[in-house]
Amino acid sequence: MRRGDLYRVAKPSASDPKRFRVFVIVSRQTLIDSRFSTVVCAPVYSMRHGLATQVDVGMNQGLRHDCSVHCDELVSLRKSQLTHFVGRLTAAKLMDLDNALLVALGISQLRNH
């Protein structure tokens, strides 16, 4: 399990109208590798609006059609729910994801600590 992996999750929440939803893992790798039981994920939707908080994905990432990752709708999912691997973001798409997360979280620039 790695950051940028896409997984198909069965009925992730009662409010989701879909029987299945694809999510991309956005948590840092240290958390993913830890014994912590959950990771932060962003949902993938068929609808694309071209927002700075969305990342276009599609067949090159293992999906059936063009979609987008919606970084404005982050959720915490149990690792045990992430069993149906779909695909993986490329290095370029991971950079796009990082930029979309910065916008979604209102982080204007990274600071060195």
C-alpha atoms as a PDB file:
ATOM      1  CA  MET A   1       0.000   0.000   0.000  1.00  0.00           C
ATOM      2  CA  ARG A   2       1.493   3.307  -1.126  1.00  0.00           C
ATOM      3  CA  ARG A   3       0.618   6.967  -1.370  1.00  0.00           C
ATOM      4  CA  GLY A   4      -1.055   7.524  -4.728  1.00  0.00           C
ATOM      5  CA  ASP A   5      -2.561   4.032  -4.925  1.00  0.00           C
ATOM      6  CA  LEU A   6      -6.165   3.824  -6.110  1.00  0.00           C
ATOM      7  CA  TYR A   7      -8.581   1.381  -4.485  1.00  0.00           C
ATOM      8  CA  ARG A   8     -12.191   0.478  -5.206  1.00  0.00           C
ATOM      9  CA  VAL A   9     -14.176   0.535  -1.960  1.00  0.00           C
ATOM     10  CA  ALA A  10     -17.614  -1.017  -1.461  1.00  0.00           C
ATOM     11  CA  LYS A  11     -20.222   1.449  -0.112  1.00  0.00           C
ATOM     12  CA  PRO A  12     -17.748   3.706   1.707  1.00  0.00           C
ATOM     13  CA  SER A  13     -20.515   5.619   3.502  1.00  0.00           C
ATOM     14  CA  ALA A  14     -24.273   5.521   3.925  1.00  0.00           C
ATOM     15  CA  SER A  15     -24.576   8.884   2.160  1.00  0.00           C
ATOM     16  CA  ASP A  16     -22.725   7.770  -0.986  1.00  0.00           C
ATOM     17  CA  PRO A  17     -25.234   6.879  -3.732  1.00  0.00           C
ATOM     18  CA  LYS A  18     -22.763   4.530  -5.461  1.00  0.00           C
ATOM     19  CA  ARG A  19     -22.311   0.883  -4.502  1.00  0.00           C
ATOM     20  CA  PHE A  20     -18.575   1.316  -5.083  1.00  0.00           C
ATOM     21  CA  ARG A  21     -16.271   4.329  -5.109  1.00  0.00           C
ATOM     22  CA  VAL A  22     -12.599   4.619  -6.055  1.00  0.00           C
ATOM     23  CA  PHE A  23     -10.315   6.459  -3.631  1.00  0.00           C
ATOM     24  CA  VAL A  24      -6.685   7.534  -3.850  1.00  0.00           C
ATOM     25  CA  ILE A  25      -4.496   7.375  -0.741  1.00  0.00           C
ATOM     26  CA  VAL A  26      -3.137  10.820   0.125  1.00  0.00           C
ATOM     27  CA  SER A  27      -1.600  10.120   3.555  1.00  0.00           C
ATOM     28  CA  ARG A  28       2.153  10.293   3.928  1.00  0.00           C
ATOM     29  CA  GLN A  29       3.981   6.999   3.517  1.00  0.00           C
ATOM     30  CA  THR A  30       5.119   6.940   7.177  1.00  0.00           C
ATOM     31  CA  LEU A  31       1.482   6.795   8.318  1.00  0.00           C
ATOM     32  CA  ILE A  32       0.576   4.201   5.692  1.00  0.00           C
ATOM     33  CA  ASP A  33       3.433   1.961   6.882  1.00  0.00           C
ATOM     34  CA  SER A  34       2.539   2.412  10.562  1.00  0.00           C
ATOM     35  CA  ARG A  35       0.194   0.332  12.697  1.00  0.00           C
ATOM     36  CA  PHE A  36      -2.355   3.158  12.555  1.00  0.00           C
ATOM     37  CA  SER A  37      -5.610   1.654  11.274  1.00  0.00           C
ATOM     38  CA  THR A  38      -6.748   4.452   8.939  1.00  0.00           C
ATOM     39  CA  VAL A  39      -5.392   6.570   6.093  1.00  0.00           C
ATOM     40  CA  VAL A  40      -6.591   9.807   4.511  1.00  0.00           C
ATOM     41  CA  CYS A  41      -8.038   9.344   1.034  1.00  0.00           C
ATOM     42  CA  ALA A  42      -9.604  11.482  -1.674  1.00  0.00           C
ATOM     43  CA  PRO A  43     -12.590  10.204  -3.670  1.00  0.00           C
ATOM     44  CA  VAL A  44     -12.637   9.820  -7.431  1.00  0.00           C
ATOM     45  CA  TYR A  45     -15.728  11.061  -9.251  1.00  0.00           C
ATOM     46  CA  SER A  46     -16.833  10.834 -12.873  1.00  0.00           C
ATOM     47  CA  MET A  47     -17.696  14.536 -12.848  1.00  0.00           C
ATOM     48  CA  ARG A  48     -14.845  16.895 -13.635  1.00  0.00           C
ATOM     49  CA  HIS A  49     -15.137  20.635 -13.176  1.00  0.00           C
ATOM     50  CA  GLY A  50     -11.557  21.694 -13.884  1.00  0.00           C
ATOM     51  CA  LEU A  51     -11.078  23.070 -10.375  1.00  0.00           C
ATOM     52  CA  ALA A  52      -7.598  23.561  -8.931  1.00  0.00           C
ATOM     53  CA  THR A  53      -8.583  21.095  -6.197  1.00  0.00           C
ATOM     54  CA  GLN A  54      -9.246  18.318  -8.717  1.00  0.00           C
ATOM     55  CA  VAL A  55      -6.781  16.038 -10.483  1.00  0.00           C
ATOM     56  CA  ASP A  56      -7.752  14.461 -13.792  1.00  0.00           C
ATOM     57  CA  VAL A  57      -7.191  10.698 -13.892  1.00  0.00           C
ATOM     58  CA  GLY A  58      -8.277   7.951 -16.238  1.00  0.00           C
ATOM     59  CA  MET A  59      -7.310   4.771 -18.022  1.00  0.00           C
ATOM     60  CA  ASN A  60      -3.570   5.391 -17.530  1.00  0.00           C
ATOM     61  CA  GLN A  61      -4.199   5.055 -13.796  1.00  0.00           C
ATOM     62  CA  GLY A  62      -6.231   1.851 -14.107  1.00  0.00           C
ATOM     63  CA  LEU A  63      -9.675   3.432 -14.297  1.00  0.00           C
ATOM     64  CA  ARG A  64     -12.365   2.592 -16.859  1.00  0.00           C
ATOM     65  CA  HIS A  65     -12.890   6.180 -18.008  1.00  0.00           C
ATOM     66  CA  ASP A  66     -11.781   9.762 -17.401  1.00  0.00           C
ATOM     67  CA  CYS A  67     -12.540  10.997 -13.866  1.00  0.00           C
ATOM     68  CA  SER A  68     -11.060  13.331 -11.301  1.00  0.00           C
ATOM     69  CA  VAL A  69      -9.740  13.101  -7.767  1.00  0.00           C
ATOM     70  CA  HIS A  70     -11.617  15.576  -5.560  1.00  0.00           C
ATOM     71  CA  CYS A  71      -9.251  16.931  -2.894  1.00  0.00           C
ATOM     72  CA  ASP A  72     -11.994  19.049  -1.303  1.00  0.00           C
ATOM     73  CA  GLU A  73     -13.653  15.873   0.009  1.00  0.00           C
ATOM     74  CA  LEU A  74     -10.932  14.109   1.997  1.00  0.00           C
ATOM     75  CA  VAL A  75     -12.018  11.185   4.178  1.00  0.00           C
ATOM     76  CA  SER A  76     -10.415   8.769   6.591  1.00  0.00           C
ATOM     77  CA  LEU A  77     -10.796   5.125   5.582  1.00  0.00           C
ATOM     78  CA  ARG A  78      -9.774   1.975   7.405  1.00  0.00           C
ATOM     79  CA  LYS A  79      -6.839   0.249   5.748  1.00  0.00           C
ATOM     80  CA  SER A  80      -8.860  -2.963   5.900  1.00  0.00           C
ATOM     81  CA  GLN A  81     -11.324  -1.401   3.409  1.00  0.00           C
ATOM     82  CA  LEU A  82      -8.562  -0.934   0.843  1.00  0.00           C
ATOM     83  CA  THR A  83      -8.370  -4.406  -0.657  1.00  0.00           C
ATOM     84  CA  HIS A  84      -9.345  -3.956  -4.324  1.00  0.00           C
ATOM     85  CA  PHE A  85      -6.311  -2.315  -5.957  1.00  0.00           C
ATOM     86  CA  VAL A  86      -7.178  -0.433  -9.156  1.00  0.00           C
ATOM     87  CA  GLY A  87      -4.030   1.435 -10.131  1.00  0.00           C
ATOM     88  CA  ARG A  88      -1.419   3.971  -9.156  1.00  0.00           C
ATOM     89  CA  LEU A  89      -0.770   7.651  -9.835  1.00  0.00           C
ATOM     90  CA  THR A  90       2.349   8.453 -11.820  1.00  0.00           C
ATOM     91  CA  ALA A  91       5.008  10.742 -10.357  1.00  0.00           C
ATOM     92  CA  ALA A  92       3.583  13.625 -12.422  1.00  0.00           C
ATOM     93  CA  LYS A  93       0.038  12.935 -11.160  1.00  0.00           C
ATOM     94  CA  LEU A  94       1.358  12.788  -7.571  1.00  0.00           C
ATOM     95  CA  MET A  95       2.768  16.288  -8.068  1.00  0.00           C
ATOM     96  CA  ASP A  96      -0.639  17.396  -9.376  1.00  0.00           C
ATOM     97  CA  LEU A  97      -2.220  15.791  -6.300  1.00  0.00           C
ATOM     98  CA  ASP A  98       0.169  17.649  -3.978  1.00  0.00           C
ATOM     99  CA  ASN A  99      -0.703  20.969  -5.652  1.00  0.00           C
ATOM    100  CA  ALA A 100      -4.447  20.240  -5.462  1.00  0.00           C
ATOM    101  CA  LEU A 101      -4.116  19.380  -1.758  1.00  0.00           C
ATOM    102  CA  LEU A 102      -2.288  22.658  -1.097  1.00  0.00           C
ATOM    103  CA  VAL A 103      -5.172  24.568  -2.682  1.00  0.00           C
ATOM    104  CA  ALA A 104      -7.849  22.469  -0.955  1.00  0.00           C
ATOM    105  CA  LEU A 105      -6.257  22.978   2.462  1.00  0.00           C
ATOM    106  CA  GLY A 106      -5.555  26.674   1.918  1.00  0.00           C
ATOM    107  CA  ILE A 107      -1.779  26.310   2.193  1.00  0.00           C
ATOM    108  CA  SER A 108      -0.216  29.107   0.175  1.00  0.00           C
ATOM    109  CA  GLN A 109       3.378  27.912   0.436  1.00  0.00           C
ATOM    110  CA  LEU A 110       5.475  25.349   2.232  1.00  0.00           C
ATOM    111  CA  ARG A 111       7.797  26.579   4.965  1.00  0.00           C
ATOM    112  CA  ASN A 112      11.054  25.017   6.068  1.00  0.00           C
ATOM    113  CA  HIS A 113      11.089  24.139   9.740  1.00  0.00           C
END
